[in-house]
Amino acid sequence: MAKKAKIAIVGGSGLTGTELIKILDMHKNVEVKYVTSRTYEGQMISNVFKGLTCNLKFKKSLDIEDLNGIDVLFLCLPPHDSMNYIKSLYKQFSGIIIDVGSDFRLKDAKEYKKWYGKEHIIPEILEKFVYGLPEINYNDIKNTKFIANPGCYPTSVLLGLFPVLDQKIKIKDIIIDSKSGVTGAGRKLKDNYLYINVSQNFYAYGANGHRHTGEIEQEIKSIYGKKLKISFTPHLLPVHRGIFTSIYCKIENDYSYSEIFNNYYKNSYFVNVIDSIPQIKDVCGTNMCNISTMYDNRSKVLKIFTAIDNLVKGAAGQAVQNMNIALGFPEIEGLIKEGLYT
């Protein structure tokens, strides 16, 4: 039997962490050695989360001795915590670091402070981290030990925009309207996320500058060659999981967008270009992104619609997809294509 890659997860009791454990448990080529949680230190994972079969105990933390022999370190931590965690160990750790959080997505330390409100404490390694959107940066992911997993909203937006940006089509305006299930907020006990306030409700938030705006604009510039300012508004849906994004691009001409999108993603297993408007239910539980386009000749607006699962393609699934590429495993290993509700 081939040697299995050894995995450690820091922050394994959050929604992304438990989703990651679930996916890795189905993976034929890995073995999870450590999972940390300050809240559940010393408790069996399968006792805390009855839906998981992982027979490990949560550790409070890991030091460099624990990480000897670890091939991949996943960081599932809130903003500012990932950089604090690896500040003293990243030079000594020989494996791959995949930050599922947000500390290494922005390449410019000034932009990080602008959008996240704090100074980055290890700005010298920001350029080392590859932005882990596999459909765009496959080769870079394959040749790095530092991967920054994209945010869930940016994943749904950028997969929708990249085929148009790659064609260098002149775009006057980009307006983005995204809606996420409540799991996008993580496992937080806040009044806004209680059942009584989410059920039968729907509203926008972060409308005056959501932090993912900087990430989206950075990656637009990376492929388009110049910075485009976007108008991005997220909303909270009264559903458990999933993101539906509508993108409106002011473009003067119809450029056979269906053909452009199909050609761009013809070799991408986890992107489906479909003829109808995507639905969240079709992607829940999967690492898929479903996309469709519609050009409105009257208003000269290209409408792009995407749907992903925020916990899978928007977080844990994409992290495993990145790991598979970096370790030379089949890209689809451990990741399923069939939805929960199909």
Protein backbone atom coordinates (compact mmCIF):
# COMPACT_ATOMS: atom_id res chain seq x y z
CA MET A 1 0.00 0.00 0.00
CA ALA A 2 1.31 3.44 -0.92
CA LYS A 3 2.30 5.70 1.95
CA LYS A 4 -0.51 8.04 2.99
CA ALA A 5 0.03 11.77 3.39
CA LYS A 6 -0.10 12.87 7.02
CA ILE A 7 -2.51 15.72 7.78
CA ALA A 8 -2.89 18.18 10.66
CA ILE A 9 -5.86 20.54 11.06
CA VAL A 10 -5.69 23.62 13.26
CA GLY A 11 -9.15 24.87 14.20
CA GLY A 12 -11.06 21.67 13.57
CA SER A 13 -14.25 22.34 15.50
CA GLY A 14 -15.61 25.18 13.38
CA LEU A 15 -17.95 24.57 10.46
CA THR A 16 -15.13 24.59 7.91
CA GLY A 17 -12.96 22.37 10.11
CA THR A 18 -15.64 19.72 10.59
CA GLU A 19 -16.46 19.79 6.86
CA LEU A 20 -12.75 19.28 6.16
CA ILE A 21 -12.59 16.29 8.53
CA LYS A 22 -15.62 14.78 6.78
CA ILE A 23 -14.05 15.15 3.32
CA LEU A 24 -10.62 13.86 4.37
CA ASP A 25 -12.27 10.82 5.96
CA MET A 26 -13.38 9.83 2.42
CA HIS A 27 -9.92 10.42 0.95
CA LYS A 28 -7.97 7.27 0.08
CA ASN A 29 -4.53 8.86 0.15
CA VAL A 30 -4.38 10.72 3.47
CA GLU A 31 -4.35 10.08 7.20
CA VAL A 32 -5.44 12.77 9.65
CA LYS A 33 -2.99 12.75 12.56
CA TYR A 34 -3.98 15.82 14.56
CA VAL A 35 -6.98 18.10 14.92
CA THR A 36 -6.96 21.05 17.32
CA SER A 37 -9.74 22.77 19.24
CA ARG A 38 -9.38 24.91 22.35
CA THR A 39 -13.07 24.49 23.12
CA TYR A 40 -13.10 20.67 23.00
CA GLU A 41 -9.53 19.86 24.07
CA GLY A 42 -9.13 16.21 25.05
CA GLN A 43 -12.55 15.11 23.78
CA MET A 44 -13.13 12.52 21.06
CA ILE A 45 -14.12 14.16 17.80
CA SER A 46 -16.80 11.55 17.14
CA ASN A 47 -18.31 12.20 20.58
CA VAL A 48 -18.49 15.95 20.08
CA PHE A 49 -19.76 15.75 16.50
CA LYS A 50 -21.92 12.64 16.18
CA GLY A 51 -21.97 12.80 12.39
CA LEU A 52 -18.19 12.35 12.15
CA THR A 53 -16.39 9.01 12.45
CA CYS A 54 -12.92 10.44 13.21
CA ASN A 55 -11.44 8.52 16.17
CA LEU A 56 -9.02 11.20 17.31
CA LYS A 57 -9.08 13.44 20.34
CA PHE A 58 -8.94 17.19 19.88
CA LYS A 59 -5.59 18.65 20.92
CA LYS A 60 -5.36 22.16 22.34
CA SER A 61 -2.48 23.15 20.04
CA LEU A 62 0.44 21.82 18.01
CA ASP A 63 4.11 22.69 18.21
CA ILE A 64 6.89 22.11 15.71
CA GLU A 65 7.67 18.68 17.20
CA ASP A 66 4.08 17.56 16.52
CA LEU A 67 4.45 18.72 12.93
CA ASN A 68 7.51 16.60 12.20
CA GLY A 69 6.42 14.20 9.46
CA ILE A 70 3.23 16.15 8.69
CA ASP A 71 2.79 16.65 4.93
CA VAL A 72 -0.06 19.17 4.96
CA LEU A 73 -1.10 21.66 7.63
CA PHE A 74 -4.61 23.10 7.22
CA LEU A 75 -5.37 26.34 9.07
CA CYS A 76 -9.11 26.84 9.67
CA LEU A 77 -8.85 29.98 11.78
CA PRO A 78 -10.50 33.42 11.98
CA PRO A 79 -8.84 36.54 10.53
CA HIS A 80 -5.50 37.43 12.17
CA ASP A 81 -5.14 34.01 13.84
CA SER A 82 -3.43 32.12 11.00
CA MET A 83 -0.52 34.55 10.76
CA ASN A 84 -0.06 34.47 14.54
CA TYR A 85 -0.09 30.69 14.51
CA ILE A 86 2.56 30.16 11.84
CA LYS A 87 4.77 33.17 12.56
CA SER A 88 7.27 31.16 14.58
CA LEU A 89 7.03 27.84 12.76
CA TYR A 90 6.65 28.41 9.02
CA LYS A 91 10.42 28.54 8.45
CA GLN A 92 10.89 25.21 10.23
CA PHE A 93 7.89 23.35 8.82
CA SER A 94 8.77 21.44 5.65
CA GLY A 95 5.27 20.50 4.56
CA ILE A 96 2.51 22.35 2.70
CA ILE A 97 0.54 25.07 4.49
CA ILE A 98 -3.03 25.66 3.29
CA ASP A 99 -4.66 28.64 4.98
CA VAL A 100 -8.40 28.19 4.68
CA GLY A 101 -8.76 31.52 6.47
CA SER A 102 -8.12 34.99 5.11
CA ASP A 103 -4.68 36.04 6.32
CA PHE A 104 -2.71 35.33 3.14
CA ARG A 105 -5.13 36.05 0.29
CA LEU A 106 -4.13 39.69 -0.12
CA LYS A 107 -0.62 40.24 -1.47
CA ASP A 108 -0.27 43.83 -0.26
CA ALA A 109 0.09 44.38 3.50
CA LYS A 110 -1.51 47.82 3.14
CA GLU A 111 -4.54 46.25 1.50
CA TYR A 112 -4.71 43.70 4.33
CA LYS A 113 -4.81 46.47 6.92
CA LYS A 114 -7.40 48.38 4.88
CA TRP A 115 -9.83 45.46 4.67
CA TYR A 116 -9.06 43.58 7.91
CA GLY A 117 -8.23 46.47 10.24
CA LYS A 118 -4.86 45.23 11.54
CA GLU A 119 -1.23 45.23 10.51
CA HIS A 120 -0.02 41.99 8.97
CA ILE A 121 2.67 40.60 11.26
CA ILE A 122 4.54 38.57 8.60
CA PRO A 123 4.12 40.62 5.40
CA GLU A 124 7.37 39.22 4.03
CA ILE A 125 5.68 35.92 3.15
CA LEU A 126 2.52 37.28 1.53
CA GLU A 127 4.04 36.95 -1.94
CA LYS A 128 4.95 33.32 -1.25
CA PHE A 129 1.30 32.32 -0.95
CA VAL A 130 -0.41 31.22 -4.15
CA TYR A 131 -4.06 32.20 -4.46
CA GLY A 132 -5.66 28.76 -4.42
CA LEU A 133 -8.29 28.95 -7.13
CA PRO A 134 -7.42 25.70 -8.95
CA GLU A 135 -9.31 26.45 -12.17
CA ILE A 136 -7.08 29.51 -12.64
CA ASN A 137 -3.79 28.84 -10.82
CA TYR A 138 -3.35 25.09 -11.22
CA ASN A 139 0.34 25.17 -12.18
CA ASP A 140 1.29 27.61 -9.43
CA ILE A 141 -0.54 25.50 -6.85
CA LYS A 142 1.31 22.42 -8.04
CA ASN A 143 4.67 24.07 -7.40
CA THR A 144 4.25 25.76 -4.01
CA LYS A 145 4.18 24.95 -0.32
CA PHE A 146 2.09 28.00 0.57
CA ILE A 147 -1.57 28.12 -0.51
CA ALA A 148 -4.16 30.76 0.38
CA ASN A 149 -7.62 29.27 -0.01
CA PRO A 150 -10.01 31.83 -1.58
CA GLY A 151 -13.00 33.19 0.26
CA CYS A 152 -16.40 31.68 -0.46
CA TYR A 153 -17.89 34.83 -2.01
CA PRO A 154 -14.78 35.53 -4.15
CA THR A 155 -14.84 31.93 -5.43
CA SER A 156 -18.43 32.34 -6.63
CA VAL A 157 -17.61 35.72 -8.18
CA LEU A 158 -14.24 35.04 -9.80
CA LEU A 159 -15.24 31.76 -11.42
CA GLY A 160 -18.08 33.70 -13.01
CA LEU A 161 -15.92 36.62 -14.15
CA PHE A 162 -12.66 35.03 -15.28
CA PRO A 163 -13.76 33.80 -18.74
CA VAL A 164 -14.84 37.34 -19.67
CA LEU A 165 -11.75 38.96 -18.14
CA ASP A 166 -9.48 36.50 -19.93
CA GLN A 167 -10.89 37.70 -23.26
CA LYS A 168 -9.97 41.30 -22.32
CA ILE A 169 -13.51 42.37 -23.23
CA LYS A 170 -14.12 46.03 -22.39
CA ILE A 171 -16.28 46.24 -19.27
CA LYS A 172 -17.70 49.55 -18.07
CA ASP A 173 -19.18 48.47 -14.73
CA ILE A 174 -19.32 45.34 -12.58
CA ILE A 175 -22.11 44.98 -10.04
CA ILE A 176 -22.16 41.85 -7.88
CA ASP A 177 -25.09 40.66 -5.81
CA SER A 178 -24.32 37.58 -3.67
CA LYS A 179 -26.52 35.61 -1.27
CA SER A 180 -25.14 33.13 1.25
CA GLY A 181 -26.53 30.56 3.64
CA VAL A 182 -26.02 31.27 7.34
CA THR A 183 -23.10 28.82 7.65
CA GLY A 184 -21.03 31.42 5.85
CA ALA A 185 -20.85 33.27 9.18
CA GLY A 186 -19.24 30.31 10.94
CA ARG A 187 -20.18 28.74 14.26
CA LYS A 188 -20.88 32.02 16.09
CA LEU A 189 -23.47 32.70 18.76
CA LYS A 190 -24.68 36.08 17.54
CA ASP A 191 -28.18 37.48 17.64
CA ASN A 192 -28.34 37.98 13.85
CA TYR A 193 -27.68 34.28 13.22
CA LEU A 194 -30.22 32.84 15.66
CA TYR A 195 -33.01 30.80 14.06
CA ILE A 196 -35.69 33.28 15.07
CA ASN A 197 -33.88 36.08 13.17
CA VAL A 198 -32.80 34.07 10.13
CA SER A 199 -35.92 32.04 9.42
CA GLN A 200 -38.43 33.79 7.13
CA ASN A 201 -36.00 36.67 6.73
CA PHE A 202 -33.65 38.08 4.09
CA TYR A 203 -31.36 41.10 4.14
CA ALA A 204 -28.14 42.68 2.90
CA TYR A 205 -25.10 43.31 5.08
CA GLY A 206 -21.61 44.75 4.63
CA ALA A 207 -23.02 46.90 1.85
CA ASN A 208 -20.60 49.76 2.42
CA GLY A 209 -17.42 47.79 1.78
CA HIS A 210 -17.35 44.08 2.55
CA ARG A 211 -13.78 42.82 3.16
CA HIS A 212 -13.98 40.38 0.24
CA THR A 213 -14.11 43.33 -2.14
CA GLY A 214 -10.34 43.80 -1.93
CA GLU A 215 -9.71 40.13 -2.65
CA ILE A 216 -11.99 40.15 -5.69
CA GLU A 217 -10.45 43.33 -7.12
CA GLN A 218 -6.93 41.97 -6.60
CA GLU A 219 -7.66 38.82 -8.58
CA ILE A 220 -9.52 40.72 -11.30
CA LYS A 221 -6.36 42.75 -11.83
CA SER A 222 -4.21 39.60 -11.94
CA ILE A 223 -5.99 38.31 -15.05
CA TYR A 224 -7.39 41.50 -16.62
CA GLY A 225 -4.17 43.46 -16.35
CA LYS A 226 -5.69 46.49 -14.68
CA LYS A 227 -7.74 47.18 -11.60
CA LEU A 228 -11.51 47.43 -11.94
CA LYS A 229 -13.58 48.75 -9.08
CA ILE A 230 -16.59 46.60 -8.31
CA SER A 231 -19.82 47.17 -6.45
CA PHE A 232 -20.30 44.12 -4.22
CA THR A 233 -23.23 43.50 -1.87
CA PRO A 234 -23.64 40.26 0.13
CA HIS A 235 -26.94 39.07 1.57
CA LEU A 236 -27.95 36.49 4.17
CA LEU A 237 -30.33 33.77 3.00
CA PRO A 238 -32.55 31.77 5.38
CA VAL A 239 -30.89 28.49 4.33
CA HIS A 240 -28.14 26.39 5.89
CA ARG A 241 -25.56 26.44 3.12
CA GLY A 242 -24.88 27.60 -0.42
CA ILE A 243 -24.10 30.82 -2.30
CA PHE A 244 -25.97 32.22 -5.26
CA THR A 245 -24.22 35.09 -7.04
CA SER A 246 -25.54 37.38 -9.76
CA ILE A 247 -22.93 39.41 -11.66
CA TYR A 248 -23.90 42.29 -13.94
CA CYS A 249 -21.28 43.51 -16.44
CA LYS A 250 -21.97 46.55 -18.63
CA ILE A 251 -20.67 45.45 -22.05
CA GLU A 252 -21.65 46.97 -25.40
CA ASN A 253 -21.66 43.77 -27.47
CA ASP A 254 -22.77 40.15 -27.35
CA TYR A 255 -19.65 37.99 -27.74
CA SER A 256 -21.16 34.46 -27.82
CA TYR A 257 -20.62 34.14 -24.10
CA SER A 258 -21.83 30.56 -23.88
CA GLU A 259 -19.03 29.49 -26.21
CA ILE A 260 -16.46 31.57 -24.30
CA PHE A 261 -17.43 29.98 -20.97
CA ASN A 262 -17.59 26.44 -22.32
CA ASN A 263 -14.15 26.75 -23.91
CA TYR A 264 -12.65 28.29 -20.78
CA TYR A 265 -13.88 25.53 -18.49
CA LYS A 266 -13.77 22.56 -20.89
CA ASN A 267 -11.07 20.85 -18.81
CA SER A 268 -12.38 21.85 -15.37
CA TYR A 269 -14.04 18.95 -13.59
CA PHE A 270 -15.63 21.08 -10.88
CA VAL A 271 -17.21 23.77 -13.06
CA ASN A 272 -20.42 23.14 -14.99
CA VAL A 273 -21.52 25.67 -17.60
CA ILE A 274 -25.25 25.07 -17.87
CA ASP A 275 -28.13 26.36 -20.01
CA SER A 276 -30.48 27.25 -17.16
CA ILE A 277 -30.04 29.53 -14.17
CA PRO A 278 -28.13 27.62 -11.42
CA GLN A 279 -29.80 26.62 -8.17
CA ILE A 280 -28.19 26.21 -4.77
CA LYS A 281 -29.85 22.84 -4.14
CA ASP A 282 -27.97 21.31 -7.07
CA VAL A 283 -24.53 22.06 -5.63
CA CYS A 284 -25.07 21.63 -1.88
CA GLY A 285 -22.64 19.06 -0.50
CA THR A 286 -20.47 19.16 -3.62
CA ASN A 287 -17.31 20.87 -4.80
CA MET A 288 -19.09 22.05 -7.94
CA CYS A 289 -19.68 25.52 -9.30
CA ASN A 290 -22.61 25.79 -11.70
CA ILE A 291 -22.54 28.80 -14.05
CA SER A 292 -24.85 30.26 -16.68
CA THR A 293 -24.83 33.48 -18.70
CA MET A 294 -27.45 35.70 -20.31
CA TYR A 295 -26.82 38.81 -22.42
CA ASP A 296 -29.49 41.51 -22.31
CA ASN A 297 -29.36 43.36 -25.65
CA ARG A 298 -31.76 46.03 -24.42
CA SER A 299 -29.64 47.16 -21.45
CA LYS A 300 -26.28 45.96 -22.84
CA VAL A 301 -25.63 43.98 -19.67
CA LEU A 302 -24.07 40.53 -19.42
CA LYS A 303 -25.68 38.63 -16.55
CA ILE A 304 -23.61 35.83 -15.02
CA PHE A 305 -25.12 33.48 -12.43
CA THR A 306 -23.15 31.08 -10.23
CA ALA A 307 -23.99 28.67 -7.43
CA ILE A 308 -21.61 26.94 -5.03
CA ASP A 309 -21.68 25.33 -1.59
CA ASN A 310 -19.96 27.85 0.68
CA LEU A 311 -18.59 25.12 2.96
CA VAL A 312 -17.24 22.92 0.16
CA LYS A 313 -16.18 24.72 -3.04
CA GLY A 314 -16.14 27.90 -0.95
CA ALA A 315 -13.94 26.45 1.79
CA ALA A 316 -13.07 22.86 2.78
CA GLY A 317 -13.62 21.15 -0.59
CA GLN A 318 -11.50 23.67 -2.44
CA ALA A 319 -8.81 23.27 0.23
CA VAL A 320 -8.73 19.52 -0.45
CA GLN A 321 -8.72 20.18 -4.20
CA ASN A 322 -5.65 22.38 -3.63
CA MET A 323 -4.03 19.70 -1.52
CA ASN A 324 -4.64 17.07 -4.20
CA ILE A 325 -2.95 19.24 -6.83
CA ALA A 326 0.00 20.14 -4.59
CA LEU A 327 0.63 16.49 -3.62
CA GLY A 328 0.11 15.09 -7.13
CA PHE A 329 -3.06 13.18 -6.23
CA PRO A 330 -6.03 12.97 -8.63
CA GLU A 331 -7.71 16.37 -8.37
CA ILE A 332 -11.11 14.84 -7.65
CA GLU A 333 -10.00 12.42 -4.90
CA GLY A 334 -12.24 12.63 -1.83
CA LEU A 335 -14.58 15.12 -3.50
CA ILE A 336 -18.05 14.21 -4.71
CA LYS A 337 -20.09 15.63 -7.58
CA GLU A 338 -23.59 14.57 -6.55
CA GLY A 339 -25.59 17.08 -4.51
CA LEU A 340 -27.38 16.52 -1.21
CA TYR A 341 -30.78 17.29 -2.71
CA THR A 342 -30.60 15.71 -6.18
